[in-house]
N, C-alpha and C. Protein backbone atom coordinates (compact mmCIF):
# COMPACT_ATOMS: atom_id res chain seq x y z
N MET A 1 -5.26 -11.85 11.09
CA MET A 1 -3.86 -11.74 10.73
C MET A 1 -3.65 -12.34 9.34
N LEU A 2 -2.79 -11.71 8.58
CA LEU A 2 -2.47 -12.21 7.25
C LEU A 2 -1.67 -13.52 7.34
N THR A 3 -1.75 -14.33 6.30
CA THR A 3 -0.95 -15.54 6.25
C THR A 3 0.52 -15.17 6.07
N ASP A 4 1.42 -16.11 6.31
CA ASP A 4 2.85 -15.84 6.19
C ASP A 4 3.30 -15.72 4.74
N THR A 5 2.52 -16.24 3.80
CA THR A 5 2.83 -16.10 2.38
C THR A 5 1.61 -15.53 1.67
N LEU A 6 1.81 -14.38 1.01
CA LEU A 6 0.75 -13.75 0.22
C LEU A 6 0.94 -14.23 -1.21
N ASN A 7 0.15 -15.23 -1.61
CA ASN A 7 0.37 -15.84 -2.92
C ASN A 7 -0.92 -16.16 -3.66
N THR A 8 -2.02 -15.58 -3.24
CA THR A 8 -3.28 -15.84 -3.94
C THR A 8 -3.92 -14.53 -4.38
N ASN A 9 -3.22 -13.81 -5.20
CA ASN A 9 -3.72 -12.58 -5.82
C ASN A 9 -3.85 -11.39 -4.88
N GLU A 10 -3.22 -11.42 -3.70
CA GLU A 10 -3.28 -10.26 -2.82
C GLU A 10 -2.51 -9.08 -3.40
N ILE A 11 -1.42 -9.34 -4.09
CA ILE A 11 -0.57 -8.28 -4.63
C ILE A 11 -0.32 -8.57 -6.11
N LYS A 12 -0.57 -7.55 -6.93
CA LYS A 12 -0.38 -7.71 -8.38
C LYS A 12 0.49 -6.58 -8.92
N ASP A 13 1.07 -6.82 -10.10
CA ASP A 13 1.85 -5.78 -10.77
C ASP A 13 0.95 -5.06 -11.78
N THR A 14 1.53 -4.18 -12.60
CA THR A 14 0.74 -3.38 -13.53
C THR A 14 0.05 -4.21 -14.60
N ALA A 15 0.56 -5.42 -14.86
CA ALA A 15 -0.08 -6.31 -15.84
C ALA A 15 -1.19 -7.13 -15.20
N GLY A 16 -1.40 -6.96 -13.88
CA GLY A 16 -2.41 -7.75 -13.18
C GLY A 16 -1.91 -9.13 -12.80
N THR A 17 -0.59 -9.33 -12.89
CA THR A 17 0.02 -10.61 -12.56
C THR A 17 0.34 -10.68 -11.07
N GLU A 18 -0.02 -11.79 -10.46
CA GLU A 18 0.22 -12.00 -9.04
C GLU A 18 1.72 -11.95 -8.73
N GLN A 19 2.06 -11.30 -7.61
CA GLN A 19 3.43 -11.31 -7.10
C GLN A 19 3.37 -11.91 -5.70
N GLU A 20 4.25 -12.86 -5.42
CA GLU A 20 4.21 -13.57 -4.15
C GLU A 20 5.18 -12.96 -3.14
N PHE A 21 4.67 -12.70 -1.94
CA PHE A 21 5.46 -12.12 -0.86
C PHE A 21 5.43 -13.05 0.35
N GLY A 22 6.55 -13.12 1.06
CA GLY A 22 6.64 -13.92 2.28
C GLY A 22 6.96 -13.04 3.47
N ARG A 23 6.42 -13.40 4.63
CA ARG A 23 6.61 -12.60 5.84
C ARG A 23 8.07 -12.72 6.33
N LEU A 24 8.65 -11.55 6.63
CA LEU A 24 10.00 -11.48 7.20
C LEU A 24 9.96 -11.31 8.71
N SER A 25 9.02 -10.49 9.19
CA SER A 25 8.94 -10.21 10.62
C SER A 25 7.52 -9.82 11.00
N VAL A 26 7.22 -9.96 12.28
CA VAL A 26 5.91 -9.58 12.78
C VAL A 26 6.00 -9.31 14.28
N ASN A 27 5.25 -8.32 14.76
CA ASN A 27 5.01 -8.12 16.18
C ASN A 27 3.60 -7.60 16.33
N ASP A 28 3.24 -7.11 17.49
CA ASP A 28 1.86 -6.69 17.74
C ASP A 28 1.37 -5.59 16.81
N ARG A 29 2.22 -4.66 16.41
CA ARG A 29 1.76 -3.47 15.70
C ARG A 29 2.34 -3.31 14.30
N ASP A 30 3.22 -4.20 13.85
CA ASP A 30 3.72 -4.08 12.48
C ASP A 30 4.23 -5.42 11.95
N THR A 31 4.33 -5.48 10.64
CA THR A 31 4.85 -6.67 9.98
C THR A 31 5.51 -6.25 8.66
N GLU A 32 6.39 -7.09 8.17
CA GLU A 32 7.06 -6.81 6.90
C GLU A 32 7.12 -8.09 6.07
N PHE A 33 6.87 -7.94 4.76
CA PHE A 33 6.95 -9.03 3.80
C PHE A 33 7.98 -8.67 2.73
N SER A 34 8.57 -9.68 2.10
CA SER A 34 9.46 -9.43 0.97
C SER A 34 8.97 -10.23 -0.24
N LEU A 35 9.24 -9.69 -1.42
CA LEU A 35 8.93 -10.42 -2.65
C LEU A 35 9.76 -11.70 -2.64
N LEU A 36 9.14 -12.85 -2.86
CA LEU A 36 9.86 -14.12 -2.76
C LEU A 36 10.99 -14.24 -3.78
N THR A 37 10.86 -13.56 -4.91
CA THR A 37 11.90 -13.65 -5.95
C THR A 37 12.80 -12.42 -6.00
N GLU A 38 12.80 -11.61 -4.92
CA GLU A 38 13.61 -10.39 -4.96
C GLU A 38 15.09 -10.71 -4.99
N THR A 39 15.84 -9.79 -5.59
CA THR A 39 17.30 -9.84 -5.56
C THR A 39 17.73 -9.18 -4.25
N PRO A 40 18.61 -9.81 -3.47
CA PRO A 40 18.98 -9.22 -2.18
C PRO A 40 19.44 -7.75 -2.25
N ALA A 41 20.11 -7.38 -3.31
CA ALA A 41 20.59 -6.00 -3.44
C ALA A 41 19.48 -5.04 -3.85
N LEU A 42 18.35 -5.58 -4.29
CA LEU A 42 17.23 -4.75 -4.75
C LEU A 42 15.95 -5.21 -4.03
N PRO A 43 15.80 -4.88 -2.75
CA PRO A 43 14.64 -5.36 -1.99
C PRO A 43 13.32 -4.77 -2.48
N HIS A 44 12.28 -5.58 -2.37
CA HIS A 44 10.91 -5.20 -2.74
C HIS A 44 10.05 -5.61 -1.55
N ARG A 45 9.58 -4.66 -0.76
CA ARG A 45 8.97 -4.95 0.53
C ARG A 45 7.56 -4.38 0.67
N LEU A 46 6.75 -5.09 1.44
CA LEU A 46 5.43 -4.65 1.89
C LEU A 46 5.51 -4.53 3.40
N SER A 47 5.09 -3.40 3.94
CA SER A 47 5.04 -3.26 5.39
C SER A 47 3.68 -2.72 5.82
N ILE A 48 3.27 -3.15 7.00
CA ILE A 48 2.02 -2.71 7.60
C ILE A 48 2.34 -2.29 9.03
N LYS A 49 1.98 -1.05 9.39
CA LYS A 49 2.30 -0.53 10.73
C LYS A 49 1.11 0.23 11.30
N HIS A 50 0.91 0.10 12.62
CA HIS A 50 -0.17 0.78 13.32
C HIS A 50 0.40 1.50 14.54
N THR A 51 -0.06 2.72 14.76
CA THR A 51 0.31 3.51 15.93
C THR A 51 -0.95 4.13 16.51
N GLU A 52 -1.09 4.06 17.83
CA GLU A 52 -2.23 4.70 18.48
C GLU A 52 -1.74 5.87 19.31
N LEU A 53 -2.46 6.98 19.22
CA LEU A 53 -2.09 8.22 19.91
C LEU A 53 -3.30 8.75 20.66
N GLY A 54 -3.06 9.47 21.75
CA GLY A 54 -4.13 10.10 22.51
C GLY A 54 -4.88 9.11 23.37
N SER A 55 -5.96 9.62 23.97
CA SER A 55 -6.78 8.77 24.83
C SER A 55 -8.21 9.29 24.83
N GLY A 56 -9.11 8.47 25.35
CA GLY A 56 -10.51 8.86 25.42
C GLY A 56 -11.08 9.20 24.06
N LEU A 57 -11.88 10.28 24.01
CA LEU A 57 -12.48 10.70 22.75
C LEU A 57 -11.45 11.15 21.72
N ASN A 58 -10.25 11.51 22.17
CA ASN A 58 -9.20 11.99 21.25
C ASN A 58 -8.27 10.88 20.76
N LYS A 59 -8.56 9.63 21.10
CA LYS A 59 -7.70 8.53 20.67
C LYS A 59 -7.81 8.34 19.16
N ARG A 60 -6.64 8.18 18.51
CA ARG A 60 -6.56 8.00 17.06
C ARG A 60 -5.66 6.81 16.77
N ARG A 61 -5.94 6.15 15.67
CA ARG A 61 -5.02 5.11 15.18
C ARG A 61 -4.55 5.52 13.79
N ARG A 62 -3.25 5.52 13.61
CA ARG A 62 -2.65 5.80 12.30
C ARG A 62 -2.11 4.48 11.77
N SER A 63 -2.64 4.04 10.65
CA SER A 63 -2.23 2.78 10.04
C SER A 63 -1.65 3.06 8.66
N VAL A 64 -0.54 2.38 8.35
CA VAL A 64 0.15 2.59 7.08
C VAL A 64 0.38 1.23 6.41
N VAL A 65 -0.04 1.12 5.15
CA VAL A 65 0.32 -0.01 4.30
C VAL A 65 1.24 0.56 3.24
N ARG A 66 2.43 -0.01 3.12
CA ARG A 66 3.46 0.62 2.29
C ARG A 66 4.20 -0.44 1.46
N ILE A 67 4.48 -0.07 0.22
CA ILE A 67 5.34 -0.88 -0.66
C ILE A 67 6.58 -0.05 -0.97
N ASP A 68 7.75 -0.63 -0.74
CA ASP A 68 9.02 -0.02 -1.10
C ASP A 68 9.74 -0.95 -2.06
N LYS A 69 10.28 -0.39 -3.12
CA LYS A 69 11.01 -1.19 -4.10
C LYS A 69 12.29 -0.46 -4.51
N VAL A 70 13.40 -1.14 -4.42
CA VAL A 70 14.68 -0.60 -4.87
C VAL A 70 14.94 -1.15 -6.27
N VAL A 71 15.23 -0.24 -7.21
CA VAL A 71 15.48 -0.61 -8.60
C VAL A 71 16.75 0.08 -9.08
N ALA A 72 17.31 -0.41 -10.17
CA ALA A 72 18.47 0.25 -10.77
C ALA A 72 18.02 1.60 -11.35
N GLY A 73 18.82 2.63 -11.13
CA GLY A 73 18.51 3.93 -11.71
C GLY A 73 18.47 3.83 -13.23
N GLN A 74 17.69 4.66 -13.87
CA GLN A 74 17.58 4.61 -15.33
C GLN A 74 18.47 5.63 -16.02
N VAL A 75 18.96 6.60 -15.28
CA VAL A 75 19.90 7.58 -15.84
C VAL A 75 21.31 7.17 -15.42
N ASP A 76 21.53 7.05 -14.12
CA ASP A 76 22.79 6.53 -13.59
C ASP A 76 22.50 5.09 -13.15
N THR A 77 22.78 4.16 -14.03
CA THR A 77 22.42 2.76 -13.78
C THR A 77 23.24 2.12 -12.66
N ASP A 78 24.29 2.79 -12.21
CA ASP A 78 25.10 2.28 -11.10
C ASP A 78 24.52 2.66 -9.74
N THR A 79 23.55 3.56 -9.73
CA THR A 79 22.97 4.04 -8.47
C THR A 79 21.54 3.53 -8.31
N PRO A 80 21.33 2.63 -7.35
CA PRO A 80 19.97 2.17 -7.10
C PRO A 80 19.09 3.29 -6.53
N VAL A 81 17.81 3.26 -6.84
CA VAL A 81 16.86 4.23 -6.32
C VAL A 81 15.70 3.49 -5.66
N LYS A 82 15.08 4.14 -4.68
CA LYS A 82 13.97 3.54 -3.96
C LYS A 82 12.67 4.27 -4.33
N ILE A 83 11.66 3.49 -4.67
CA ILE A 83 10.33 4.02 -4.98
C ILE A 83 9.39 3.52 -3.87
N SER A 84 8.58 4.42 -3.33
CA SER A 84 7.66 4.07 -2.25
C SER A 84 6.24 4.50 -2.59
N SER A 85 5.30 3.63 -2.28
CA SER A 85 3.87 3.94 -2.41
C SER A 85 3.22 3.51 -1.10
N TYR A 86 2.36 4.37 -0.56
CA TYR A 86 1.71 3.97 0.67
C TYR A 86 0.36 4.64 0.86
N VAL A 87 -0.46 3.97 1.66
CA VAL A 87 -1.78 4.46 2.03
C VAL A 87 -1.76 4.63 3.54
N VAL A 88 -2.25 5.77 4.00
CA VAL A 88 -2.32 6.05 5.43
C VAL A 88 -3.78 6.25 5.81
N MET A 89 -4.19 5.59 6.86
CA MET A 89 -5.52 5.83 7.45
C MET A 89 -5.29 6.45 8.82
N ASP A 90 -5.91 7.58 9.07
CA ASP A 90 -5.86 8.24 10.37
C ASP A 90 -7.29 8.26 10.89
N ILE A 91 -7.59 7.36 11.83
CA ILE A 91 -8.97 7.13 12.25
C ILE A 91 -9.16 7.56 13.70
N PRO A 92 -10.14 8.42 13.97
CA PRO A 92 -10.42 8.86 15.35
C PRO A 92 -11.18 7.77 16.12
N ILE A 93 -10.48 6.70 16.48
CA ILE A 93 -11.13 5.53 17.07
C ILE A 93 -11.77 5.82 18.43
N GLY A 94 -11.35 6.87 19.10
CA GLY A 94 -11.95 7.21 20.38
C GLY A 94 -13.32 7.83 20.27
N ASN A 95 -13.69 8.29 19.08
CA ASN A 95 -14.97 8.97 18.92
C ASN A 95 -15.80 8.34 17.80
N LEU A 96 -15.59 7.06 17.55
CA LEU A 96 -16.38 6.31 16.56
C LEU A 96 -16.95 5.06 17.22
N THR A 97 -18.12 4.65 16.78
CA THR A 97 -18.69 3.39 17.25
C THR A 97 -18.67 2.33 16.16
N ALA A 98 -18.34 2.74 14.92
CA ALA A 98 -18.27 1.82 13.78
C ALA A 98 -17.27 2.38 12.78
N TYR A 99 -16.79 1.52 11.91
CA TYR A 99 -15.80 1.92 10.90
C TYR A 99 -16.43 2.27 9.56
N THR A 100 -17.73 2.46 9.51
CA THR A 100 -18.44 2.71 8.25
C THR A 100 -17.85 3.87 7.47
N GLU A 101 -17.66 5.02 8.10
CA GLU A 101 -17.16 6.18 7.37
C GLU A 101 -15.67 6.06 7.06
N ALA A 102 -14.92 5.37 7.89
CA ALA A 102 -13.51 5.11 7.57
C ALA A 102 -13.43 4.23 6.32
N LYS A 103 -14.29 3.23 6.23
CA LYS A 103 -14.34 2.37 5.04
C LYS A 103 -14.75 3.18 3.82
N ASN A 104 -15.70 4.10 3.99
CA ASN A 104 -16.12 4.93 2.86
C ASN A 104 -14.99 5.79 2.33
N THR A 105 -14.18 6.39 3.22
CA THR A 105 -13.08 7.22 2.73
C THR A 105 -12.03 6.39 2.01
N LEU A 106 -11.75 5.18 2.52
CA LEU A 106 -10.79 4.31 1.84
C LEU A 106 -11.34 3.85 0.50
N ALA A 107 -12.62 3.50 0.45
CA ALA A 107 -13.24 3.11 -0.82
C ALA A 107 -13.17 4.26 -1.83
N ASN A 108 -13.42 5.49 -1.36
CA ASN A 108 -13.30 6.67 -2.23
C ASN A 108 -11.90 6.76 -2.83
N LEU A 109 -10.89 6.62 -1.99
CA LEU A 109 -9.50 6.73 -2.43
C LEU A 109 -9.13 5.61 -3.40
N LEU A 110 -9.47 4.37 -3.04
CA LEU A 110 -9.11 3.24 -3.89
C LEU A 110 -9.80 3.34 -5.25
N SER A 111 -11.09 3.70 -5.27
CA SER A 111 -11.79 3.80 -6.55
C SER A 111 -11.23 4.94 -7.40
N PHE A 112 -10.85 6.05 -6.76
CA PHE A 112 -10.26 7.17 -7.50
C PHE A 112 -8.93 6.76 -8.13
N CYS A 113 -8.14 5.98 -7.41
CA CYS A 113 -6.84 5.55 -7.93
C CYS A 113 -6.96 4.44 -8.97
N ALA A 114 -7.92 3.54 -8.80
CA ALA A 114 -7.98 2.34 -9.64
C ALA A 114 -9.07 2.38 -10.71
N SER A 115 -9.65 3.55 -10.96
CA SER A 115 -10.71 3.67 -11.96
C SER A 115 -10.54 4.97 -12.74
N ASP A 116 -11.01 4.95 -13.99
CA ASP A 116 -11.00 6.18 -14.77
C ASP A 116 -12.40 6.79 -14.84
N GLY A 117 -13.32 6.23 -14.07
CA GLY A 117 -14.69 6.73 -14.04
C GLY A 117 -15.57 6.13 -15.11
N ALA A 118 -14.98 5.60 -16.17
CA ALA A 118 -15.77 5.04 -17.26
C ALA A 118 -15.98 3.54 -17.10
N THR A 119 -15.38 2.95 -16.09
CA THR A 119 -15.46 1.50 -15.93
C THR A 119 -15.49 1.14 -14.45
N THR A 120 -15.99 -0.01 -14.14
CA THR A 120 -15.94 -0.51 -12.76
C THR A 120 -14.81 -1.52 -12.60
N THR A 121 -14.06 -1.74 -13.66
CA THR A 121 -12.92 -2.66 -13.62
C THR A 121 -11.74 -2.00 -12.91
N ILE A 122 -11.05 -2.76 -12.08
CA ILE A 122 -9.85 -2.25 -11.42
C ILE A 122 -8.74 -2.14 -12.46
N LEU A 123 -8.11 -0.97 -12.54
CA LEU A 123 -7.07 -0.70 -13.53
C LEU A 123 -5.69 -0.84 -12.87
N PHE A 124 -5.12 -2.03 -12.93
CA PHE A 124 -3.81 -2.26 -12.34
C PHE A 124 -2.69 -1.56 -13.10
N ASP A 125 -2.97 -1.13 -14.34
CA ASP A 125 -1.94 -0.47 -15.15
C ASP A 125 -1.70 0.98 -14.74
N CYS A 126 -2.34 1.42 -13.67
CA CYS A 126 -2.18 2.78 -13.12
C CYS A 126 -2.71 3.86 -14.05
N SER A 127 -3.72 3.52 -14.85
CA SER A 127 -4.34 4.51 -15.72
C SER A 127 -5.58 5.13 -15.08
N GLY A 128 -5.90 4.74 -13.85
CA GLY A 128 -7.01 5.37 -13.13
C GLY A 128 -6.71 6.83 -12.87
N ASN A 129 -7.75 7.62 -12.66
CA ASN A 129 -7.57 9.06 -12.49
C ASN A 129 -6.58 9.41 -11.37
N GLY A 130 -6.77 8.84 -10.19
CA GLY A 130 -5.88 9.14 -9.07
C GLY A 130 -4.48 8.61 -9.28
N ALA A 131 -4.37 7.39 -9.79
CA ALA A 131 -3.06 6.80 -10.03
C ALA A 131 -2.29 7.62 -11.07
N SER A 132 -2.98 8.01 -12.12
CA SER A 132 -2.34 8.82 -13.16
C SER A 132 -1.84 10.15 -12.58
N SER A 133 -2.64 10.77 -11.73
CA SER A 133 -2.23 12.01 -11.09
C SER A 133 -0.99 11.80 -10.21
N LEU A 134 -0.97 10.71 -9.46
CA LEU A 134 0.19 10.42 -8.60
C LEU A 134 1.45 10.15 -9.42
N ILE A 135 1.31 9.36 -10.46
CA ILE A 135 2.47 8.96 -11.28
C ILE A 135 3.02 10.16 -12.07
N ASN A 136 2.13 10.92 -12.68
CA ASN A 136 2.55 11.99 -13.59
C ASN A 136 2.70 13.36 -12.93
N GLY A 137 2.28 13.47 -11.67
CA GLY A 137 2.37 14.76 -10.99
C GLY A 137 1.36 15.76 -11.52
N SER A 138 0.23 15.27 -12.01
CA SER A 138 -0.79 16.16 -12.59
C SER A 138 -1.90 16.42 -11.58
N VAL A 139 -2.66 17.48 -11.83
CA VAL A 139 -3.82 17.81 -10.98
C VAL A 139 -5.07 18.00 -11.83
């Protein structure tokens, strides 16, 4: 289980600067954190949720790690807008004996988003190939 305060480089912004989040709620299958310095009218949240479906060999777990941030609109500055980023893992847990291939698919996704292929450094500025595609809508 994660600690109640994420304050040791677990979450960073585009400059690579640590952002501190504190737990708001938790139960068996989900939890929510808020940015410790958020403005109440502009929430910045991290949520983690798990759902299991099916049974036997067809049992699957769907896990979501999500960041939601409400910011002032840049065209209509009186209207707040919500930006969401999330990663979903859909794992056939009923027909696996190890998480090796699930880890490989997540590693593939993370490296595609956080790298431009020319470096092994994590690119928090979102200039990685996958991140750039997501941000700019390019293929």
